[in-house]
Each structure stands twice: as C-alpha cells, then as structure tokens.
Amino acid sequence: MSGQSIRAARVEDEPALTALWATAFTPALAPDQWLIDDERFAHTIVAEDDEGLCGSIYGLPKRLRESDGGIAAVQAIGSVAVAERSRGQGLARRLVTATLQAGRDADWALLFTGTPEVYRSSGFETFSMPRTLVGPWHPLVPAETEGLVVRETVGLGSLHPLREVYERSRAGRVVLVPVRGDRDRAMAEVRMRGVTLYVRVEGSAPVGYAIAERRGGVGMLLESAVLPEADAARDDLLSAIGADWASAGVTSCDLAVPALDDEERALRAFAPAAVRRDDRTGMIRPLRREARLRGIRHFTAGDYF
C-alpha cells in the first residue's frame, strides 16, 4: 500500500465521503447537515491512499460568543473519520494539523469528541460545560396554554422567524454559543428536523420557543430561548411540553439548558429530581489567541456541527 496523501476535497469525492462516514461512525453519520454548507468542499480535507479515500475532516468557520460580549472567529472541527485500514498510523493527527493550518486566521479551534486522548497531542484541552439536567420526571398539573403556545414541526425555515429570540436570549448571558447566520440556522434545522417546536406568541410575535422530543419514556428538551423581558413565557412553554409528555407516558428527562438563574428556577419546578450533568466532550486549542470562555457555557443540539 502506498502512503497517504492529504488534500482539499473535490466535488467528485462526495460519494466516497458519504460511504466513509457511514462506516466510520456509530451510528452512521448522514451528510445532510454537511450538504447545507455551500462551501463544504473548501472546508473539507480528505486523505487518500491507493485504495481510495481513507480519511476526512471538516473545518467550519463559526462566530462564537465569548466573555464580556466579544465574538470570536472559530475553526469548528468535525467529521474526523479514518477508514479502518488506515487507523493507528497517525492519520487523524495529520488531518487535524491540516485543518488547523487551513483555519490559522481563526482565534481558536473547537471540537467535540468522546475520545479526547486523540486530540491532546495536537494541543487541544478539555473544558467543562454544565449543559443538561437529567433525571426522573413526573407530570405536574399543567397551566392552560391554549392559544398561547403553537406547536409545529421543525423543518427548513422553522428557526428563521425565531432568530431574534435566540440571539437576544444568549447575548451577554451565555458564552460559547454561536451567533447564528443563515447557514447555522439551516444546519440546526437539519439536526433537529421532524421534532416538535413549541412557540410562545404574544399577539403575532414570538417571545419564546422550545424544541423537544420523546425517545421512548425519555423526554428531551433540545433547545429553548425566551426574550429577556418575557421570562414568564418559559413556564408556558414547559407547561405545554409537560402536557404532551404526560399523555405520552414520559418518566425521565434530559433537558439541555444553560445554567442561568432564570432557567434553573423554571426547570427545578418542571423536573425537581433532575440534576446537572457536566459535559466534558468539548476541546479547545488556541490559534491566534486563547479562548475567552469565563462564565456560563452552553451548546444546544442544533449548534453541533
């Protein structure tokens, strides 16, 4: 077998990339979110040997919130895949080096992984994020939300009318979260496609929303956002979710919410026995400078890449 070469992805690589992701990840990684990116080939680096494509990495430029209201340019790294025949040869490290070089003008790099030891030799360090509340769930007597909360199904375009709610709920309060452009919103819609979107309206304007689904007996809150001046809307959203979960026989919950005081108050009433779980899958590496992530950190299911 000849040595591996590393290069930028080309249009003709798409079928081989899809096949690689189907076998390198469990469960298989579908290309749906990647396909949203009009510049996906420029952002993707591949490795090939004499048998064909044997590795890939995706480096997506993102704008993430930092401490004190700053916005960082970040090289967000995902889809690190190595074919079985090429494992144990340092290929993942070479792919990481290549995408860091491609994103060298970014402030810092970010990735999420269940195998942090793979990336420490490339200068990445783990950080913690109290991202979820997890535990048993029991239905409470729901408040009347008829006419206040609208139920929809997440699809392409669903989050566009809610962009102000999302941005204002995060700005100056939570770090790490993206400033969502059109591509970020579309990727979030693809990631959460088909689940239930609850929108709290006042008049004809949205003041808050939540995205939730059920997986067997587990109720999952994937994302929520409420305008700072409309804090009571959060209780209405949770009440609507609770009514649906009660009728579906939900017995436990996984609630992804920032560890903010107002979020904690509402969620403690909604799920008194749930406890904070510390997420340590995130890793960062300085490029032009260190990341500034003092404060409450959060990433929703729709923010991953």
Protein backbone atom coordinates (compact mmCIF):
# COMPACT_ATOMS: atom_id res chain seq x y z
CA MET A 1 0.00 0.00 0.00
CA SER A 2 1.31 3.45 -0.88
CA GLY A 3 1.45 6.33 1.56
CA GLN A 4 -1.49 8.58 2.28
CA SER A 5 -1.82 11.98 0.67
CA ILE A 6 -3.86 14.84 2.12
CA ARG A 7 -5.68 17.42 0.02
CA ALA A 8 -8.78 19.60 -0.17
CA ALA A 9 -11.99 17.75 -1.01
CA ARG A 10 -13.43 17.89 -4.51
CA VAL A 11 -16.98 17.55 -5.82
CA GLU A 12 -16.28 14.06 -7.09
CA ASP A 13 -15.33 12.96 -3.53
CA GLU A 14 -18.91 13.26 -2.25
CA PRO A 15 -19.97 9.60 -2.77
CA ALA A 16 -16.75 8.31 -1.17
CA LEU A 17 -17.13 10.72 1.77
CA THR A 18 -20.69 9.56 2.37
CA ALA A 19 -19.55 5.94 2.28
CA LEU A 20 -16.67 6.66 4.69
CA TRP A 21 -18.94 8.40 7.20
CA ALA A 22 -21.43 5.53 7.00
CA THR A 23 -18.79 3.06 8.19
CA ALA A 24 -16.53 5.21 10.40
CA PHE A 25 -19.25 6.45 12.79
CA THR A 26 -21.72 4.62 15.01
CA PRO A 27 -24.47 5.44 14.31
CA ALA A 28 -23.64 6.25 10.70
CA LEU A 29 -23.12 9.95 10.01
CA ALA A 30 -25.53 11.20 7.35
CA PRO A 31 -24.28 14.01 5.08
CA ASP A 32 -27.49 16.09 5.42
CA GLN A 33 -26.02 18.83 7.60
CA TRP A 34 -22.77 18.97 5.60
CA LEU A 35 -24.81 19.41 2.39
CA ILE A 36 -26.25 22.68 3.76
CA ASP A 37 -22.79 24.27 3.50
CA ASP A 38 -22.35 25.79 0.03
CA GLU A 39 -18.59 25.91 0.69
CA ARG A 40 -18.37 22.38 2.06
CA PHE A 41 -15.63 21.18 -0.30
CA ALA A 42 -13.40 24.12 0.59
CA HIS A 43 -14.00 23.36 4.28
CA THR A 44 -13.33 19.61 3.97
CA ILE A 45 -9.90 17.97 3.84
CA VAL A 46 -9.51 14.35 2.78
CA ALA A 47 -6.81 11.70 2.86
CA GLU A 48 -6.44 9.07 0.16
CA ASP A 49 -4.26 6.05 -0.49
CA ASP A 50 -4.05 3.63 -3.39
CA GLU A 51 -7.41 2.12 -2.39
CA GLY A 52 -9.20 5.46 -2.41
CA LEU A 53 -10.45 7.87 0.22
CA CYS A 54 -9.31 6.83 3.70
CA GLY A 55 -9.88 9.89 5.91
CA SER A 56 -11.70 13.20 6.26
CA ILE A 57 -12.03 16.25 8.47
CA TYR A 58 -14.40 19.20 8.31
CA GLY A 59 -13.35 22.67 9.45
CA LEU A 60 -16.32 25.04 9.60
CA PRO A 61 -15.78 28.76 10.33
CA LYS A 62 -18.14 29.89 13.07
CA ARG A 63 -18.70 33.01 15.18
CA LEU A 64 -19.00 32.14 18.87
CA ARG A 65 -19.78 34.33 21.86
CA GLU A 66 -17.04 34.92 24.41
CA SER A 67 -16.83 36.56 27.82
CA ASP A 68 -17.57 40.29 28.12
CA GLY A 69 -19.69 40.29 24.97
CA GLY A 70 -16.91 39.54 22.50
CA ILE A 71 -17.33 37.46 19.35
CA ALA A 72 -14.58 35.02 18.31
CA ALA A 73 -13.79 33.67 14.85
CA VAL A 74 -13.54 29.91 15.46
CA GLN A 75 -12.43 26.92 13.40
CA ALA A 76 -15.09 24.36 14.37
CA ILE A 77 -13.79 20.86 13.64
CA GLY A 78 -15.98 17.84 12.97
CA SER A 79 -16.45 14.70 10.87
CA VAL A 80 -12.97 13.37 11.71
CA ALA A 81 -13.11 9.96 10.06
CA VAL A 82 -10.40 7.39 9.34
CA ALA A 83 -11.04 4.17 7.44
CA GLU A 84 -10.31 1.00 9.40
CA ARG A 85 -7.36 0.09 7.15
CA SER A 86 -5.65 3.40 7.97
CA ARG A 87 -6.09 3.51 11.74
CA GLY A 88 -3.16 3.51 14.11
CA GLN A 89 -0.91 5.36 11.65
CA GLY A 90 -1.28 8.92 12.94
CA LEU A 91 -3.63 9.93 10.13
CA ALA A 92 -6.15 11.67 12.40
CA ARG A 93 -3.36 13.86 13.80
CA ARG A 94 -2.24 14.77 10.27
CA LEU A 95 -5.80 15.69 9.30
CA VAL A 96 -6.13 17.88 12.40
CA THR A 97 -2.86 19.62 11.55
CA ALA A 98 -4.12 20.27 8.02
CA THR A 99 -7.43 21.79 9.12
CA LEU A 100 -5.70 23.94 11.77
CA GLN A 101 -3.42 25.26 9.07
CA ALA A 102 -6.43 25.98 6.87
CA GLY A 103 -8.10 27.83 9.74
CA ARG A 104 -4.99 29.60 11.00
CA ASP A 105 -6.65 33.04 10.78
CA ALA A 106 -9.28 31.98 13.35
CA ASP A 107 -8.88 32.99 17.01
CA TRP A 108 -9.11 29.42 18.30
CA ALA A 109 -10.32 25.95 17.35
CA LEU A 110 -13.17 23.91 18.84
CA LEU A 111 -14.22 20.29 18.60
CA PHE A 112 -16.41 17.83 20.47
CA THR A 113 -15.35 14.23 20.95
CA GLY A 114 -15.77 11.12 23.03
CA THR A 115 -12.09 10.27 22.54
CA PRO A 116 -10.17 13.29 23.87
CA GLU A 117 -6.86 11.42 24.01
CA VAL A 118 -6.76 11.52 20.19
CA TYR A 119 -6.52 15.32 20.18
CA ARG A 120 -4.38 16.20 23.20
CA SER A 121 -1.18 15.66 21.23
CA SER A 122 -2.42 18.33 18.80
CA GLY A 123 -2.67 20.89 21.60
CA PHE A 124 -6.36 20.58 22.48
CA GLU A 125 -7.56 20.80 26.07
CA THR A 126 -10.88 19.64 27.50
CA PHE A 127 -13.31 22.10 29.06
CA SER A 128 -16.44 21.50 31.12
CA MET A 129 -19.97 22.65 30.44
CA PRO A 130 -22.93 22.03 32.80
CA ARG A 131 -25.15 21.52 29.78
CA THR A 132 -28.06 19.30 30.83
CA LEU A 133 -30.41 18.44 33.67
CA VAL A 134 -31.03 14.69 33.74
CA GLY A 135 -33.22 12.50 35.93
CA PRO A 136 -36.72 11.23 36.68
CA TRP A 137 -39.70 13.25 35.53
CA HIS A 138 -43.24 13.31 36.88
CA PRO A 139 -46.09 15.28 35.34
CA LEU A 140 -47.41 18.29 37.21
CA VAL A 141 -50.80 19.90 36.79
CA PRO A 142 -50.29 21.89 33.56
CA ALA A 143 -51.30 25.52 33.22
CA GLU A 144 -53.74 26.45 30.48
CA THR A 145 -51.74 27.38 27.38
CA GLU A 146 -54.43 27.13 24.70
CA GLY A 147 -53.88 29.92 22.20
CA LEU A 148 -50.57 30.93 23.81
CA VAL A 149 -48.29 28.13 22.63
CA VAL A 150 -48.30 26.98 19.00
CA ARG A 151 -46.98 23.53 18.09
CA GLU A 152 -45.14 22.99 14.81
CA THR A 153 -42.66 20.51 13.37
CA VAL A 154 -39.06 21.58 12.83
CA GLY A 155 -38.08 21.82 9.18
CA LEU A 156 -36.11 24.09 6.90
CA GLY A 157 -37.12 27.69 7.61
CA SER A 158 -38.60 26.99 11.05
CA LEU A 159 -35.96 28.92 13.02
CA HIS A 160 -35.73 31.99 10.79
CA PRO A 161 -38.74 33.77 12.40
CA LEU A 162 -37.23 32.97 15.82
CA ARG A 163 -33.75 34.34 15.16
CA GLU A 164 -34.20 37.45 17.35
CA VAL A 165 -35.45 35.35 20.26
CA TYR A 166 -32.43 33.04 20.02
CA GLU A 167 -29.84 35.83 19.70
CA ARG A 168 -31.26 38.07 22.43
CA SER A 169 -31.67 35.17 24.85
CA ARG A 170 -27.93 34.44 24.58
CA ALA A 171 -26.27 37.83 24.06
CA GLY A 172 -24.37 39.00 27.14
CA ARG A 173 -25.56 35.99 29.18
CA VAL A 174 -24.06 32.80 27.76
CA VAL A 175 -20.66 32.12 26.20
CA LEU A 176 -19.55 29.58 23.58
CA VAL A 177 -22.94 29.68 21.81
CA PRO A 178 -22.89 30.69 18.13
CA VAL A 179 -24.03 33.92 16.61
CA ARG A 180 -26.24 32.15 14.10
CA GLY A 181 -26.06 33.14 10.47
CA ASP A 182 -28.30 31.65 7.79
CA ARG A 183 -26.05 28.59 7.43
CA ASP A 184 -26.00 27.96 11.18
CA ARG A 185 -29.80 28.15 11.38
CA ALA A 186 -30.23 25.81 8.43
CA MET A 187 -27.80 23.31 9.96
CA ALA A 188 -29.71 23.48 13.26
CA GLU A 189 -32.96 22.83 11.42
CA VAL A 190 -31.46 19.78 9.73
CA ARG A 191 -30.11 18.41 13.02
CA MET A 192 -33.48 18.77 14.74
CA ARG A 193 -35.72 18.12 11.76
CA GLY A 194 -39.02 16.39 12.49
CA VAL A 195 -39.21 17.09 16.23
CA THR A 196 -41.76 19.34 17.92
CA LEU A 197 -41.30 23.11 18.03
CA TYR A 198 -43.29 24.97 20.69
CA VAL A 199 -43.64 28.70 20.09
CA ARG A 200 -44.98 31.14 22.70
CA VAL A 201 -46.61 34.09 20.98
CA GLU A 202 -47.87 37.45 22.17
CA GLY A 203 -50.13 38.98 19.57
CA SER A 204 -48.50 37.74 16.39
CA ALA A 205 -44.90 37.95 17.62
CA PRO A 206 -42.87 35.07 19.11
CA VAL A 207 -41.41 35.79 22.55
CA GLY A 208 -40.03 32.34 23.25
CA TYR A 209 -39.75 28.82 21.92
CA ALA A 210 -38.67 25.32 22.87
CA ILE A 211 -37.75 22.27 20.82
CA ALA A 212 -38.49 18.91 22.41
CA GLU A 213 -38.90 15.27 21.50
CA ARG A 214 -39.61 11.92 23.14
CA ARG A 215 -37.40 8.86 22.84
CA GLY A 216 -39.29 6.04 24.43
CA GLY A 217 -40.00 7.07 28.00
CA VAL A 218 -37.42 9.87 27.93
CA GLY A 219 -38.47 13.46 27.28
CA MET A 220 -35.70 15.54 25.73
CA LEU A 221 -35.52 19.33 25.63
CA LEU A 222 -33.10 20.05 22.79
CA GLU A 223 -33.17 23.85 22.72
CA SER A 224 -35.09 26.73 24.24
CA ALA A 225 -34.92 30.51 24.13
CA VAL A 226 -37.01 33.27 25.67
CA LEU A 227 -36.71 37.04 25.29
CA PRO A 228 -35.21 38.54 28.48
CA GLU A 229 -38.30 40.71 29.07
CA ALA A 230 -40.69 37.75 28.61
CA ASP A 231 -39.44 35.38 31.30
CA ALA A 232 -42.95 34.10 32.12
CA ALA A 233 -43.15 32.62 28.62
CA ARG A 234 -40.76 29.88 29.73
CA ASP A 235 -43.33 28.49 32.16
CA ASP A 236 -45.99 28.40 29.42
CA LEU A 237 -43.65 26.52 27.10
CA LEU A 238 -42.73 23.99 29.76
CA SER A 239 -46.38 23.53 30.64
CA ALA A 240 -47.23 22.71 27.02
CA ILE A 241 -44.31 20.28 26.81
CA GLY A 242 -45.31 18.71 30.12
CA ALA A 243 -48.86 18.12 28.92
CA ASP A 244 -47.57 16.27 25.85
CA TRP A 245 -45.08 14.25 27.86
CA ALA A 246 -47.67 13.29 30.46
CA SER A 247 -50.02 11.92 27.80
CA ALA A 248 -47.11 10.01 26.23
CA GLY A 249 -46.02 8.37 29.50
CA VAL A 250 -42.65 10.09 29.84
CA THR A 251 -40.88 9.05 33.06
CA SER A 252 -37.43 10.63 32.77
CA CYS A 253 -35.94 13.73 31.17
CA ASP A 254 -32.83 15.12 29.54
CA LEU A 255 -33.06 18.92 29.48
CA ALA A 256 -30.39 20.89 27.61
CA VAL A 257 -30.48 24.40 29.08
CA PRO A 258 -27.87 26.98 30.13
CA ALA A 259 -27.20 27.09 33.87
CA LEU A 260 -28.74 30.57 34.24
CA ASP A 261 -30.72 31.51 37.35
CA ASP A 262 -34.00 32.02 35.49
CA GLU A 263 -33.55 28.74 33.59
CA GLU A 264 -32.76 26.90 36.82
CA ARG A 265 -35.86 28.27 38.55
CA ALA A 266 -38.20 27.12 35.81
CA LEU A 267 -36.54 23.75 35.29
CA ARG A 268 -36.39 22.95 39.01
CA ALA A 269 -40.16 23.35 39.14
CA PHE A 270 -40.60 21.31 35.94
CA ALA A 271 -38.25 18.46 36.94
CA PRO A 272 -37.43 18.71 40.67
CA ALA A 273 -35.44 15.47 40.80
CA ALA A 274 -33.23 16.17 37.77
CA VAL A 275 -29.58 17.00 38.40
CA ARG A 276 -26.97 18.90 36.43
CA ARG A 277 -24.69 16.77 34.30
CA ASP A 278 -21.26 18.07 33.41
CA ASP A 279 -20.43 17.70 29.71
CA ARG A 280 -16.68 17.30 29.07
CA THR A 281 -16.77 16.39 25.38
CA GLY A 282 -15.63 19.86 24.28
CA MET A 283 -11.99 20.65 23.49
CA ILE A 284 -10.33 23.95 22.51
CA ARG A 285 -6.96 24.95 21.12
CA PRO A 286 -5.55 28.47 20.70
CA LEU A 287 -4.70 29.61 17.18
CA ARG A 288 -4.17 33.37 17.17
CA ARG A 289 -5.02 33.64 20.88
CA GLU A 290 -6.54 31.89 23.88
CA ALA A 291 -10.31 31.36 24.03
CA ARG A 292 -12.18 33.65 26.47
CA LEU A 293 -14.87 31.44 27.93
CA ARG A 294 -15.32 32.60 31.51
CA GLY A 295 -18.92 32.28 32.59
CA ILE A 296 -21.87 30.04 31.71
CA ARG A 297 -21.14 27.90 28.66
CA HIS A 298 -23.76 26.24 26.52
CA PHE A 299 -24.21 24.46 23.20
CA THR A 300 -27.61 23.20 22.04
CA ALA A 301 -28.32 20.10 19.97
CA GLY A 302 -28.74 22.39 16.97
CA ASP A 303 -25.36 24.09 17.46
CA TYR A 304 -23.23 20.98 16.96
CA PHE A 305 -21.52 20.50 13.60
